[in-house]
Amino acid sequence: MRDDDPWDTIRSLAALFTELDAERGLSAEEQWTLQVLKLSEEVGEAAQAVIGVRAVNPRKGRSHDWEQVQEEVVDAVITGMVSLTRMRPDDAPEFFASVLARKAARFLPPTEPHHPNDGDPVVTSR
């Protein structure tokens, strides 16, 4: 399945999970709570994979590789996006973008707006 906009897939997943939870009689706040707990679980699995890469647990030794860590991080990101979309179905991508811009501005230098003629030769007519 190829999708140019990952938010379309996220919206579909969020709608499915919301429908399934509603069928179970869960209120919106219960659904959101459980979804955030699921996010915590996914972050924990990423941490567990790092422990496995670093062989920190002597009983298990080296049980993971960095690609498995990366997959767990993606699981956490997907779950976070689904969580946000379940809580803000009407504007999750826009809300995400606005929060990202605000948080990134703390670390990244401001960028100059691009003007259409930047770098283009100046054309004058006579």
PDB file of N, CA and C in Angstrom:
ATOM      1  N   MET A   1       0.845  -1.175   0.000  1.00  0.00           N
ATOM      2  CA  MET A   1       0.000   0.000   0.000  1.00  0.00           C
ATOM      3  C   MET A   1       0.890   1.238   0.000  1.00  0.00           C
ATOM      4  N   ARG A   2       0.772   2.073  -1.015  1.00  0.00           N
ATOM      5  CA  ARG A   2       1.549   3.305  -1.093  1.00  0.00           C
ATOM      6  C   ARG A   2       0.607   4.480  -0.955  1.00  0.00           C
ATOM      7  N   ASP A   3       1.006   5.379  -0.113  1.00  0.00           N
ATOM      8  CA  ASP A   3       0.177   6.550   0.123  1.00  0.00           C
ATOM      9  C   ASP A   3       1.101   7.756   0.164  1.00  0.00           C
ATOM     10  N   ASP A   4       0.791   8.766  -0.627  1.00  0.00           N
ATOM     11  CA  ASP A   4       1.641   9.949  -0.662  1.00  0.00           C
ATOM     12  C   ASP A   4       1.544  10.782   0.601  1.00  0.00           C
ATOM     13  N   ASP A   5       0.408  10.735   1.278  1.00  0.00           N
ATOM     14  CA  ASP A   5       0.222  11.512   2.501  1.00  0.00           C
ATOM     15  C   ASP A   5       0.048  10.548   3.673  1.00  0.00           C
ATOM     16  N   PRO A   6       1.080  10.433   4.521  1.00  0.00           N
ATOM     17  CA  PRO A   6       0.961   9.493   5.647  1.00  0.00           C
ATOM     18  C   PRO A   6      -0.229   9.807   6.550  1.00  0.00           C
ATOM     19  N   TRP A   7      -0.655  11.074   6.578  1.00  0.00           N
ATOM     20  CA  TRP A   7      -1.786  11.433   7.436  1.00  0.00           C
ATOM     21  C   TRP A   7      -3.065  10.742   6.978  1.00  0.00           C
ATOM     22  N   ASP A   8      -3.190  10.413   5.687  1.00  0.00           N
ATOM     23  CA  ASP A   8      -4.367   9.666   5.223  1.00  0.00           C
ATOM     24  C   ASP A   8      -4.420   8.287   5.880  1.00  0.00           C
ATOM     25  N   THR A   9      -3.277   7.628   5.932  1.00  0.00           N
ATOM     26  CA  THR A   9      -3.206   6.318   6.586  1.00  0.00           C
ATOM     27  C   THR A   9      -3.461   6.453   8.078  1.00  0.00           C
ATOM     28  N   ILE A  10      -2.884   7.468   8.695  1.00  0.00           N
ATOM     29  CA  ILE A  10      -3.083   7.704  10.129  1.00  0.00           C
ATOM     30  C   ILE A  10      -4.559   7.942  10.422  1.00  0.00           C
ATOM     31  N   ARG A  11      -5.211   8.760   9.594  1.00  0.00           N
ATOM     32  CA  ARG A  11      -6.652   9.025   9.789  1.00  0.00           C
ATOM     33  C   ARG A  11      -7.459   7.731   9.695  1.00  0.00           C
ATOM     34  N   SER A  12      -7.120   6.869   8.738  1.00  0.00           N
ATOM     35  CA  SER A  12      -7.831   5.595   8.588  1.00  0.00           C
ATOM     36  C   SER A  12      -7.637   4.705   9.808  1.00  0.00           C
ATOM     37  N   LEU A  13      -6.408   4.634  10.302  1.00  0.00           N
ATOM     38  CA  LEU A  13      -6.140   3.836  11.509  1.00  0.00           C
ATOM     39  C   LEU A  13      -6.893   4.400  12.707  1.00  0.00           C
ATOM     40  N   ALA A  14      -6.842   5.715  12.873  1.00  0.00           N
ATOM     41  CA  ALA A  14      -7.525   6.349  14.003  1.00  0.00           C
ATOM     42  C   ALA A  14      -9.025   6.096  13.946  1.00  0.00           C
ATOM     43  N   ALA A  15      -9.602   6.222  12.762  1.00  0.00           N
ATOM     44  CA  ALA A  15     -11.048   5.993  12.622  1.00  0.00           C
ATOM     45  C   ALA A  15     -11.405   4.552  12.950  1.00  0.00           C
ATOM     46  N   LEU A  16     -10.597   3.611  12.489  1.00  0.00           N
ATOM     47  CA  LEU A  16     -10.848   2.196  12.780  1.00  0.00           C
ATOM     48  C   LEU A  16     -10.783   1.927  14.275  1.00  0.00           C
ATOM     49  N   PHE A  17      -9.720   2.409  14.930  1.00  0.00           N
ATOM     50  CA  PHE A  17      -9.565   2.148  16.364  1.00  0.00           C
ATOM     51  C   PHE A  17     -10.660   2.834  17.173  1.00  0.00           C
ATOM     52  N   THR A  18     -11.054   4.023  16.755  1.00  0.00           N
ATOM     53  CA  THR A  18     -12.141   4.729  17.437  1.00  0.00           C
ATOM     54  C   THR A  18     -13.446   3.952  17.301  1.00  0.00           C
ATOM     55  N   GLU A  19     -13.705   3.454  16.105  1.00  0.00           N
ATOM     56  CA  GLU A  19     -14.923   2.667  15.873  1.00  0.00           C
ATOM     57  C   GLU A  19     -14.927   1.392  16.728  1.00  0.00           C
ATOM     58  N   LEU A  20     -13.809   0.701  16.762  1.00  0.00           N
ATOM     59  CA  LEU A  20     -13.731  -0.536  17.553  1.00  0.00           C
ATOM     60  C   LEU A  20     -13.922  -0.254  19.041  1.00  0.00           C
ATOM     61  N   ASP A  21     -13.293   0.813  19.533  1.00  0.00           N
ATOM     62  CA  ASP A  21     -13.435   1.155  20.949  1.00  0.00           C
ATOM     63  C   ASP A  21     -14.850   1.621  21.278  1.00  0.00           C
ATOM     64  N   ALA A  22     -15.481   2.343  20.352  1.00  0.00           N
ATOM     65  CA  ALA A  22     -16.864   2.782  20.573  1.00  0.00           C
ATOM     66  C   ALA A  22     -17.794   1.571  20.647  1.00  0.00           C
ATOM     67  N   GLU A  23     -17.542   0.577  19.813  1.00  0.00           N
ATOM     68  CA  GLU A  23     -18.334  -0.655  19.862  1.00  0.00           C
ATOM     69  C   GLU A  23     -18.196  -1.361  21.206  1.00  0.00           C
ATOM     70  N   ARG A  24     -17.056  -1.163  21.850  1.00  0.00           N
ATOM     71  CA  ARG A  24     -16.821  -1.746  23.180  1.00  0.00           C
ATOM     72  C   ARG A  24     -17.426  -0.880  24.275  1.00  0.00           C
ATOM     73  N   GLY A  25     -18.032   0.244  23.899  1.00  0.00           N
ATOM     74  CA  GLY A  25     -18.690   1.110  24.866  1.00  0.00           C
ATOM     75  C   GLY A  25     -17.774   2.077  25.589  1.00  0.00           C
ATOM     76  N   LEU A  26     -16.576   2.306  25.049  1.00  0.00           N
ATOM     77  CA  LEU A  26     -15.633   3.220  25.700  1.00  0.00           C
ATOM     78  C   LEU A  26     -15.943   4.660  25.321  1.00  0.00           C
ATOM     79  N   SER A  27     -15.929   5.536  26.303  1.00  0.00           N
ATOM     80  CA  SER A  27     -16.121   6.965  26.034  1.00  0.00           C
ATOM     81  C   SER A  27     -14.883   7.504  25.325  1.00  0.00           C
ATOM     82  N   ALA A  28     -15.009   8.703  24.770  1.00  0.00           N
ATOM     83  CA  ALA A  28     -13.879   9.325  24.070  1.00  0.00           C
ATOM     84  C   ALA A  28     -12.670   9.469  24.996  1.00  0.00           C
ATOM     85  N   GLU A  29     -12.899   9.946  26.216  1.00  0.00           N
ATOM     86  CA  GLU A  29     -11.764  10.134  27.134  1.00  0.00           C
ATOM     87  C   GLU A  29     -11.119   8.803  27.508  1.00  0.00           C
ATOM     88  N   GLU A  30     -11.912   7.753  27.651  1.00  0.00           N
ATOM     89  CA  GLU A  30     -11.329   6.428  27.926  1.00  0.00           C
ATOM     90  C   GLU A  30     -10.483   5.973  26.739  1.00  0.00           C
ATOM     91  N   GLN A  31     -10.980   6.203  25.534  1.00  0.00           N
ATOM     92  CA  GLN A  31     -10.231   5.825  24.337  1.00  0.00           C
ATOM     93  C   GLN A  31      -8.904   6.574  24.269  1.00  0.00           C
ATOM     94  N   TRP A  32      -8.958   7.885  24.540  1.00  0.00           N
ATOM     95  CA  TRP A  32      -7.732   8.685  24.488  1.00  0.00           C
ATOM     96  C   TRP A  32      -6.735   8.220  25.541  1.00  0.00           C
ATOM     97  N   THR A  33      -7.246   7.927  26.730  1.00  0.00           N
ATOM     98  CA  THR A  33      -6.378   7.465  27.815  1.00  0.00           C
ATOM     99  C   THR A  33      -5.676   6.172  27.425  1.00  0.00           C
ATOM    100  N   LEU A  34      -6.440   5.218  26.907  1.00  0.00           N
ATOM    101  CA  LEU A  34      -5.852   3.937  26.509  1.00  0.00           C
ATOM    102  C   LEU A  34      -4.872   4.109  25.352  1.00  0.00           C
ATOM    103  N   GLN A  35      -5.172   5.029  24.447  1.00  0.00           N
ATOM    104  CA  GLN A  35      -4.276   5.261  23.314  1.00  0.00           C
ATOM    105  C   GLN A  35      -2.949   5.853  23.792  1.00  0.00           C
ATOM    106  N   VAL A  36      -2.986   6.758  24.747  1.00  0.00           N
ATOM    107  CA  VAL A  36      -1.745   7.327  25.283  1.00  0.00           C
ATOM    108  C   VAL A  36      -0.970   6.261  26.057  1.00  0.00           C
ATOM    109  N   LEU A  37      -1.677   5.392  26.751  1.00  0.00           N
ATOM    110  CA  LEU A  37      -0.992   4.276  27.412  1.00  0.00           C
ATOM    111  C   LEU A  37      -0.321   3.371  26.379  1.00  0.00           C
ATOM    112  N   LYS A  38      -0.969   3.164  25.248  1.00  0.00           N
ATOM    113  CA  LYS A  38      -0.375   2.381  24.161  1.00  0.00           C
ATOM    114  C   LYS A  38       0.898   3.061  23.656  1.00  0.00           C
ATOM    115  N   LEU A  39       0.868   4.387  23.578  1.00  0.00           N
ATOM    116  CA  LEU A  39       2.062   5.136  23.188  1.00  0.00           C
ATOM    117  C   LEU A  39       3.196   4.879  24.181  1.00  0.00           C
ATOM    118  N   SER A  40       2.870   4.905  25.463  1.00  0.00           N
ATOM    119  CA  SER A  40       3.882   4.629  26.495  1.00  0.00           C
ATOM    120  C   SER A  40       4.458   3.228  26.322  1.00  0.00           C
ATOM    121  N   GLU A  41       3.604   2.283  25.988  1.00  0.00           N
ATOM    122  CA  GLU A  41       4.064   0.907  25.764  1.00  0.00           C
ATOM    123  C   GLU A  41       5.059   0.862  24.596  1.00  0.00           C
ATOM    124  N   GLU A  42       4.731   1.565  23.511  1.00  0.00           N
ATOM    125  CA  GLU A  42       5.611   1.557  22.340  1.00  0.00           C
ATOM    126  C   GLU A  42       6.962   2.202  22.649  1.00  0.00           C
ATOM    127  N   VAL A  43       6.970   3.282  23.393  1.00  0.00           N
ATOM    128  CA  VAL A  43       8.231   3.917  23.798  1.00  0.00           C
ATOM    129  C   VAL A  43       9.036   2.958  24.670  1.00  0.00           C
ATOM    130  N   GLY A  44       8.350   2.246  25.544  1.00  0.00           N
ATOM    131  CA  GLY A  44       9.022   1.248  26.375  1.00  0.00           C
ATOM    132  C   GLY A  44       9.654   0.143  25.542  1.00  0.00           C
ATOM    133  N   GLU A  45       8.975  -0.255  24.472  1.00  0.00           N
ATOM    134  CA  GLU A  45       9.547  -1.286  23.599  1.00  0.00           C
ATOM    135  C   GLU A  45      10.787  -0.772  22.878  1.00  0.00           C
ATOM    136  N   ALA A  46      10.800   0.506  22.521  1.00  0.00           N
ATOM    137  CA  ALA A  46      12.004   1.087  21.911  1.00  0.00           C
ATOM    138  C   ALA A  46      13.155   1.087  22.917  1.00  0.00           C
ATOM    139  N   ALA A  47      12.855   1.450  24.154  1.00  0.00           N
ATOM    140  CA  ALA A  47      13.888   1.437  25.204  1.00  0.00           C
ATOM    141  C   ALA A  47      14.400   0.016  25.439  1.00  0.00           C
ATOM    142  N   GLN A  48      13.493  -0.926  25.449  1.00  0.00           N
ATOM    143  CA  GLN A  48      13.881  -2.329  25.637  1.00  0.00           C
ATOM    144  C   GLN A  48      14.797  -2.793  24.501  1.00  0.00           C
ATOM    145  N   ALA A  49      14.511  -2.355  23.277  1.00  0.00           N
ATOM    146  CA  ALA A  49      15.355  -2.716  22.146  1.00  0.00           C
ATOM    147  C   ALA A  49      16.754  -2.109  22.283  1.00  0.00           C
ATOM    148  N   VAL A  50      16.832  -0.866  22.778  1.00  0.00           N
ATOM    149  CA  VAL A  50      18.148  -0.246  23.003  1.00  0.00           C
ATOM    150  C   VAL A  50      18.923  -1.044  24.047  1.00  0.00           C
ATOM    151  N   ILE A  51      18.260  -1.461  25.093  1.00  0.00           N
ATOM    152  CA  ILE A  51      18.908  -2.299  26.113  1.00  0.00           C
ATOM    153  C   ILE A  51      19.437  -3.570  25.464  1.00  0.00           C
ATOM    154  N   GLY A  52      18.665  -4.137  24.534  1.00  0.00           N
ATOM    155  CA  GLY A  52      19.102  -5.335  23.828  1.00  0.00           C
ATOM    156  C   GLY A  52      20.285  -5.094  22.910  1.00  0.00           C
ATOM    157  N   VAL A  53      20.334  -3.936  22.258  1.00  0.00           N
ATOM    158  CA  VAL A  53      21.466  -3.598  21.395  1.00  0.00           C
ATOM    159  C   VAL A  53      22.729  -3.436  22.226  1.00  0.00           C
ATOM    160  N   ARG A  54      22.584  -2.789  23.364  1.00  0.00           N
ATOM    161  CA  ARG A  54      23.735  -2.506  24.217  1.00  0.00           C
ATOM    162  C   ARG A  54      24.114  -3.671  25.119  1.00  0.00           C
ATOM    163  N   ALA A  55      23.312  -4.748  25.078  1.00  0.00           N
ATOM    164  CA  ALA A  55      23.564  -5.956  25.887  1.00  0.00           C
ATOM    165  C   ALA A  55      23.656  -5.614  27.374  1.00  0.00           C
ATOM    166  N   VAL A  56      22.769  -4.735  27.826  1.00  0.00           N
ATOM    167  CA  VAL A  56      22.779  -4.297  29.218  1.00  0.00           C
ATOM    168  C   VAL A  56      22.268  -5.398  30.145  1.00  0.00           C
ATOM    169  N   ASN A  57      21.354  -6.195  29.669  1.00  0.00           N
ATOM    170  CA  ASN A  57      20.802  -7.277  30.488  1.00  0.00           C
ATOM    171  C   ASN A  57      21.683  -8.511  30.315  1.00  0.00           C
ATOM    172  N   PRO A  58      22.461  -8.876  31.348  1.00  0.00           N
ATOM    173  CA  PRO A  58      23.387  -9.998  31.193  1.00  0.00           C
ATOM    174  C   PRO A  58      22.676 -11.337  30.938  1.00  0.00           C
ATOM    175  N   ARG A  59      21.443 -11.430  31.362  1.00  0.00           N
ATOM    176  CA  ARG A  59      20.694 -12.666  31.146  1.00  0.00           C
ATOM    177  C   ARG A  59      20.334 -12.854  29.670  1.00  0.00           C
ATOM    178  N   LYS A  60      20.096 -11.742  28.961  1.00  0.00           N
ATOM    179  CA  LYS A  60      19.677 -11.820  27.561  1.00  0.00           C
ATOM    180  C   LYS A  60      20.811 -11.549  26.576  1.00  0.00           C
ATOM    181  N   GLY A  61      21.825 -10.807  27.023  1.00  0.00           N
ATOM    182  CA  GLY A  61      22.910 -10.451  26.106  1.00  0.00           C
ATOM    183  C   GLY A  61      22.424  -9.531  25.008  1.00  0.00           C
ATOM    184  N   ARG A  62      23.090  -9.607  23.858  1.00  0.00           N
ATOM    185  CA  ARG A  62      22.711  -8.771  22.714  1.00  0.00           C
ATOM    186  C   ARG A  62      21.509  -9.422  22.035  1.00  0.00           C
ATOM    187  N   SER A  63      20.338  -8.845  22.253  1.00  0.00           N
ATOM    188  CA  SER A  63      19.093  -9.436  21.760  1.00  0.00           C
ATOM    189  C   SER A  63      18.441  -8.653  20.625  1.00  0.00           C
ATOM    190  N   HIS A  64      18.959  -7.469  20.300  1.00  0.00           N
ATOM    191  CA  HIS A  64      18.374  -6.624  19.266  1.00  0.00           C
ATOM    192  C   HIS A  64      19.482  -5.997  18.430  1.00  0.00           C
ATOM    193  N   ASP A  65      19.096  -5.461  17.280  1.00  0.00           N
ATOM    194  CA  ASP A  65      20.022  -4.658  16.480  1.00  0.00           C
ATOM    195  C   ASP A  65      19.403  -3.270  16.293  1.00  0.00           C
ATOM    196  N   TRP A  66      20.198  -2.353  15.721  1.00  0.00           N
ATOM    197  CA  TRP A  66      19.727  -0.970  15.609  1.00  0.00           C
ATOM    198  C   TRP A  66      18.523  -0.836  14.683  1.00  0.00           C
ATOM    199  N   GLU A  67      18.402  -1.709  13.691  1.00  0.00           N
ATOM    200  CA  GLU A  67      17.217  -1.639  12.824  1.00  0.00           C
ATOM    201  C   GLU A  67      15.955  -1.960  13.617  1.00  0.00           C
ATOM    202  N   GLN A  68      16.049  -2.902  14.545  1.00  0.00           N
ATOM    203  CA  GLN A  68      14.891  -3.197  15.394  1.00  0.00           C
ATOM    204  C   GLN A  68      14.551  -2.002  16.283  1.00  0.00           C
ATOM    205  N   VAL A  69      15.557  -1.304  16.774  1.00  0.00           N
ATOM    206  CA  VAL A  69      15.323  -0.086  17.551  1.00  0.00           C
ATOM    207  C   VAL A  69      14.597   0.931  16.679  1.00  0.00           C
ATOM    208  N   GLN A  70      15.077   1.108  15.459  1.00  0.00           N
ATOM    209  CA  GLN A  70      14.466   2.068  14.549  1.00  0.00           C
ATOM    210  C   GLN A  70      13.003   1.713  14.264  1.00  0.00           C
ATOM    211  N   GLU A  71      12.709   0.431  14.080  1.00  0.00           N
ATOM    212  CA  GLU A  71      11.322   0.013  13.864  1.00  0.00           C
ATOM    213  C   GLU A  71      10.458   0.314  15.084  1.00  0.00           C
ATOM    214  N   GLU A  72      11.005   0.106  16.271  1.00  0.00           N
ATOM    215  CA  GLU A  72      10.247   0.420  17.488  1.00  0.00           C
ATOM    216  C   GLU A  72       9.999   1.923  17.606  1.00  0.00           C
ATOM    217  N   VAL A  73      10.978   2.718  17.198  1.00  0.00           N
ATOM    218  CA  VAL A  73      10.783   4.171  17.206  1.00  0.00           C
ATOM    219  C   VAL A  73       9.675   4.554  16.227  1.00  0.00           C
ATOM    220  N   VAL A  74       9.661   3.934  15.051  1.00  0.00           N
ATOM    221  CA  VAL A  74       8.589   4.199  14.088  1.00  0.00           C
ATOM    222  C   VAL A  74       7.238   3.792  14.679  1.00  0.00           C
ATOM    223  N   ASP A  75       7.183   2.649  15.363  1.00  0.00           N
ATOM    224  CA  ASP A  75       5.930   2.243  16.020  1.00  0.00           C
ATOM    225  C   ASP A  75       5.461   3.325  16.994  1.00  0.00           C
ATOM    226  N   ALA A  76       6.402   3.890  17.746  1.00  0.00           N
ATOM    227  CA  ALA A  76       6.044   4.944  18.699  1.00  0.00           C
ATOM    228  C   ALA A  76       5.550   6.191  17.977  1.00  0.00           C
ATOM    229  N   VAL A  77       6.200   6.557  16.882  1.00  0.00           N
ATOM    230  CA  VAL A  77       5.780   7.735  16.120  1.00  0.00           C
ATOM    231  C   VAL A  77       4.383   7.518  15.540  1.00  0.00           C
ATOM    232  N   ILE A  78       4.153   6.355  14.936  1.00  0.00           N
ATOM    233  CA  ILE A  78       2.831   6.047  14.374  1.00  0.00           C
ATOM    234  C   ILE A  78       1.776   6.106  15.464  1.00  0.00           C
ATOM    235  N   THR A  79       2.063   5.491  16.601  1.00  0.00           N
ATOM    236  CA  THR A  79       1.098   5.477  17.698  1.00  0.00           C
ATOM    237  C   THR A  79       0.836   6.887  18.208  1.00  0.00           C
ATOM    238  N   GLY A  80       1.868   7.715  18.249  1.00  0.00           N
ATOM    239  CA  GLY A  80       1.683   9.111  18.644  1.00  0.00           C
ATOM    240  C   GLY A  80       0.806   9.863  17.657  1.00  0.00           C
ATOM    241  N   MET A  81       1.036   9.646  16.373  1.00  0.00           N
ATOM    242  CA  MET A  81       0.228  10.306  15.355  1.00  0.00           C
ATOM    243  C   MET A  81      -1.228   9.837  15.417  1.00  0.00           C
ATOM    244  N   VAL A  82      -1.419   8.541  15.630  1.00  0.00           N
ATOM    245  CA  VAL A  82      -2.778   8.008  15.768  1.00  0.00           C
ATOM    246  C   VAL A  82      -3.432   8.596  17.016  1.00  0.00           C
ATOM    247  N   SER A  83      -2.691   8.677  18.108  1.00  0.00           N
ATOM    248  CA  SER A  83      -3.226   9.260  19.345  1.00  0.00           C
ATOM    249  C   SER A  83      -3.699  10.680  19.114  1.00  0.00           C
ATOM    250  N   LEU A  84      -2.850  11.490  18.492  1.00  0.00           N
ATOM    251  CA  LEU A  84      -3.207  12.873  18.223  1.00  0.00           C
ATOM    252  C   LEU A  84      -4.440  12.961  17.330  1.00  0.00           C
ATOM    253  N   THR A  85      -4.495  12.121  16.318  1.00  0.00           N
ATOM    254  CA  THR A  85      -5.617  12.139  15.379  1.00  0.00           C
ATOM    255  C   THR A  85      -6.910  11.686  16.041  1.00  0.00           C
ATOM    256  N   ARG A  86      -6.820  10.758  16.973  1.00  0.00           N
ATOM    257  CA  ARG A  86      -8.020  10.336  17.683  1.00  0.00           C
ATOM    258  C   ARG A  86      -8.538  11.453  18.582  1.00  0.00           C
ATOM    259  N   MET A  87      -7.627  12.258  19.123  1.00  0.00           N
ATOM    260  CA  MET A  87      -8.037  13.360  19.993  1.00  0.00           C
ATOM    261  C   MET A  87      -8.436  14.606  19.206  1.00  0.00           C
ATOM    262  N   ARG A  88      -7.857  14.771  18.013  1.00  0.00           N
ATOM    263  CA  ARG A  88      -8.126  15.967  17.191  1.00  0.00           C
ATOM    264  C   ARG A  88      -8.397  15.527  15.753  1.00  0.00           C
ATOM    265  N   PRO A  89      -9.491  14.826  15.514  1.00  0.00           N
ATOM    266  CA  PRO A  89      -9.734  14.274  14.176  1.00  0.00           C
ATOM    267  C   PRO A  89      -9.877  15.328  13.081  1.00  0.00           C
ATOM    268  N   ASP A  90     -10.267  16.525  13.439  1.00  0.00           N
ATOM    269  CA  ASP A  90     -10.511  17.554  12.426  1.00  0.00           C
ATOM    270  C   ASP A  90      -9.274  18.331  12.003  1.00  0.00           C
ATOM    271  N   ASP A  91      -8.240  18.347  12.846  1.00  0.00           N
ATOM    272  CA  ASP A  91      -7.092  19.198  12.511  1.00  0.00           C
ATOM    273  C   ASP A  91      -5.749  18.658  13.003  1.00  0.00           C
ATOM    274  N   ALA A  92      -5.616  17.360  13.168  1.00  0.00           N
ATOM    275  CA  ALA A  92      -4.362  16.802  13.695  1.00  0.00           C
ATOM    276  C   ALA A  92      -3.128  17.227  12.891  1.00  0.00           C
ATOM    277  N   PRO A  93      -3.132  17.122  11.550  1.00  0.00           N
ATOM    278  CA  PRO A  93      -1.921  17.517  10.816  1.00  0.00           C
ATOM    279  C   PRO A  93      -1.562  18.988  11.004  1.00  0.00           C
ATOM    280  N   GLU A  94      -2.562  19.850  11.011  1.00  0.00           N
ATOM    281  CA  GLU A  94      -2.299  21.278  11.181  1.00  0.00           C
ATOM    282  C   GLU A  94      -1.802  21.580  12.597  1.00  0.00           C
ATOM    283  N   PHE A  95      -2.418  20.945  13.584  1.00  0.00           N
ATOM    284  CA  PHE A  95      -1.993  21.132  14.971  1.00  0.00           C
ATOM    285  C   PHE A  95      -0.561  20.632  15.139  1.00  0.00           C
ATOM    286  N   PHE A  96      -0.264  19.460  14.591  1.00  0.00           N
ATOM    287  CA  PHE A  96       1.083  18.907  14.639  1.00  0.00           C
ATOM    288  C   PHE A  96       2.082  19.887  14.032  1.00  0.00           C
ATOM    289  N   ALA A  97       1.763  20.400  12.845  1.00  0.00           N
ATOM    290  CA  ALA A  97       2.673  21.326  12.158  1.00  0.00           C
ATOM    291  C   ALA A  97       2.897  22.592  12.971  1.00  0.00           C
ATOM    292  N   SER A  98       1.847  23.108  13.603  1.00  0.00           N
ATOM    293  CA  SER A  98       2.009  24.342  14.377  1.00  0.00           C
ATOM    294  C   SER A  98       2.852  24.105  15.627  1.00  0.00           C
ATOM    295  N   VAL A  99       2.645  22.996  16.300  1.00  0.00           N
ATOM    296  CA  VAL A  99       3.448  22.684  17.494  1.00  0.00           C
ATOM    297  C   VAL A  99       4.897  22.403  17.084  1.00  0.00           C
ATOM    298  N   LEU A 100       5.086  21.669  15.988  1.00  0.00           N
ATOM    299  CA  LEU A 100       6.438  21.402  15.496  1.00  0.00           C
ATOM    300  C   LEU A 100       7.167  22.700  15.188  1.00  0.00           C
ATOM    301  N   ALA A 101       6.507  23.618  14.502  1.00  0.00           N
ATOM    302  CA  ALA A 101       7.140  24.895  14.164  1.00  0.00           C
ATOM    303  C   ALA A 101       7.515  25.668  15.422  1.00  0.00           C
ATOM    304  N   ARG A 102       6.614  25.697  16.387  1.00  0.00           N
ATOM    305  CA  ARG A 102       6.882  26.434  17.626  1.00  0.00           C
ATOM    306  C   ARG A 102       8.053  25.809  18.391  1.00  0.00           C
ATOM    307  N   LYS A 103       8.072  24.493  18.485  1.00  0.00           N
ATOM    308  CA  LYS A 103       9.148  23.820  19.228  1.00  0.00           C
ATOM    309  C   LYS A 103      10.475  23.914  18.473  1.00  0.00           C
ATOM    310  N   ALA A 104      10.434  23.761  17.146  1.00  0.00           N
ATOM    311  CA  ALA A 104      11.660  23.828  16.352  1.00  0.00           C
ATOM    312  C   ALA A 104      12.276  25.215  16.410  1.00  0.00           C
ATOM    313  N   ALA A 105      11.440  26.248  16.516  1.00  0.00           N
ATOM    314  CA  ALA A 105      11.943  27.622  16.568  1.00  0.00           C
ATOM    315  C   ALA A 105      12.844  27.847  17.778  1.00  0.00           C
ATOM    316  N   ARG A 106      12.711  27.032  18.780  1.00  0.00           N
ATOM    317  CA  ARG A 106      13.582  27.159  19.963  1.00  0.00           C
ATOM    318  C   ARG A 106      15.014  26.735  19.660  1.00  0.00           C
ATOM    319  N   PHE A 107      15.193  25.888  18.650  1.00  0.00           N
ATOM    320  CA  PHE A 107      16.499  25.310  18.367  1.00  0.00           C
ATOM    321  C   PHE A 107      17.083  25.733  17.030  1.00  0.00           C
ATOM    322  N   LEU A 108      16.236  25.985  16.059  1.00  0.00           N
ATOM    323  CA  LEU A 108      16.709  26.288  14.714  1.00  0.00           C
ATOM    324  C   LEU A 108      16.714  27.792  14.476  1.00  0.00           C
ATOM    325  N   PRO A 109      17.706  28.275  13.741  1.00  0.00           N
ATOM    326  CA  PRO A 109      17.725  29.711  13.440  1.00  0.00           C
ATOM    327  C   PRO A 109      16.555  30.059  12.529  1.00  0.00           C
ATOM    328  N   PRO A 110      16.083  31.289  12.621  1.00  0.00           N
ATOM    329  CA  PRO A 110      14.988  31.695  11.723  1.00  0.00           C
ATOM    330  C   PRO A 110      15.463  31.640  10.277  1.00  0.00           C
ATOM    331  N   THR A 111      14.560  31.297   9.397  1.00  0.00           N
ATOM    332  CA  THR A 111      14.913  31.223   7.981  1.00  0.00           C
ATOM    333  C   THR A 111      14.331  32.431   7.257  1.00  0.00           C
ATOM    334  N   GLU A 112      15.060  32.848   6.271  1.00  0.00           N
ATOM    335  CA  GLU A 112      14.600  33.962   5.445  1.00  0.00           C
ATOM    336  C   GLU A 112      13.530  33.434   4.498  1.00  0.00           C
ATOM    337  N   PRO A 113      12.451  34.185   4.318  1.00  0.00           N
ATOM    338  CA  PRO A 113      11.459  33.738   3.346  1.00  0.00           C
ATOM    339  C   PRO A 113      12.050  33.755   1.949  1.00  0.00           C
ATOM    340  N   HIS A 114      11.695  32.786   1.150  1.00  0.00           N
ATOM    341  CA  HIS A 114      12.191  32.701  -0.227  1.00  0.00           C
ATOM    342  C   HIS A 114      11.363  33.615  -1.114  1.00  0.00           C
ATOM    343  N   HIS A 115      12.054  34.440  -1.857  1.00  0.00           N
ATOM    344  CA  HIS A 115      11.381  35.329  -2.796  1.00  0.00           C
ATOM    345  C   HIS A 115      11.538  34.733  -4.187  1.00  0.00           C
ATOM    346  N   PRO A 116      10.524  34.822  -5.034  1.00  0.00           N
ATOM    347  CA  PRO A 116      10.578  34.189  -6.351  1.00  0.00           C
ATOM    348  C   PRO A 116      11.781  34.601  -7.192  1.00  0.00           C
ATOM    349  N   ASN A 117      12.288  35.812  -7.006  1.00  0.00           N
ATOM    350  CA  ASN A 117      13.410  36.268  -7.828  1.00  0.00           C
ATOM    351  C   ASN A 117      14.765  36.037  -7.180  1.00  0.00           C
ATOM    352  N   ASP A 118      14.803  35.393  -5.996  1.00  0.00           N
ATOM    353  CA  ASP A 118      16.086  35.128  -5.350  1.00  0.00           C
ATOM    354  C   ASP A 118      16.958  34.284  -6.272  1.00  0.00           C
ATOM    355  N   GLY A 119      18.132  34.796  -6.575  1.00  0.00           N
ATOM    356  CA  GLY A 119      19.068  34.061  -7.393  1.00  0.00           C
ATOM    357  C   GLY A 119      18.794  34.155  -8.884  1.00  0.00           C
ATOM    358  N   ASP A 120      17.643  34.694  -9.268  1.00  0.00           N
ATOM    359  CA  ASP A 120      17.326  34.850 -10.677  1.00  0.00           C
ATOM    360  C   ASP A 120      17.895  36.174 -11.175  1.00  0.00           C
ATOM    361  N   PRO A 121      18.324  36.193 -12.407  1.00  0.00           N
ATOM    362  CA  PRO A 121      18.831  37.471 -12.947  1.00  0.00           C
ATOM    363  C   PRO A 121      17.691  38.488 -13.000  1.00  0.00           C
ATOM    364  N   VAL A 122      18.062  39.722 -12.781  1.00  0.00           N
ATOM    365  CA  VAL A 122      17.076  40.808 -12.835  1.00  0.00           C
ATOM    366  C   VAL A 122      16.814  41.122 -14.292  1.00  0.00           C
ATOM    367  N   VAL A 123      15.548  41.103 -14.650  1.00  0.00           N
ATOM    368  CA  VAL A 123      15.170  41.380 -16.024  1.00  0.00           C
ATOM    369  C   VAL A 123      14.455  42.729 -16.039  1.00  0.00           C
ATOM    370  N   THR A 124      14.964  43.623 -16.833  1.00  0.00           N
ATOM    371  CA  THR A 124      14.312  44.935 -16.965  1.00  0.00           C
ATOM    372  C   THR A 124      13.865  45.107 -18.407  1.00  0.00           C
ATOM    373  N   SER A 125      12.814  45.785 -18.607  1.00  0.00           N
ATOM    374  CA  SER A 125      12.343  46.030 -19.974  1.00  0.00           C
ATOM    375  C   SER A 125      12.563  47.486 -20.323  1.00  0.00           C
ATOM    376  N   ARG A 126      12.820  47.783 -21.578  1.00  0.00           N
ATOM    377  CA  ARG A 126      13.043  49.151 -22.036  1.00  0.00           C
ATOM    378  C   ARG A 126      11.993  49.549 -23.006  1.00  0.00           C
TER     379      ARG A 126
END
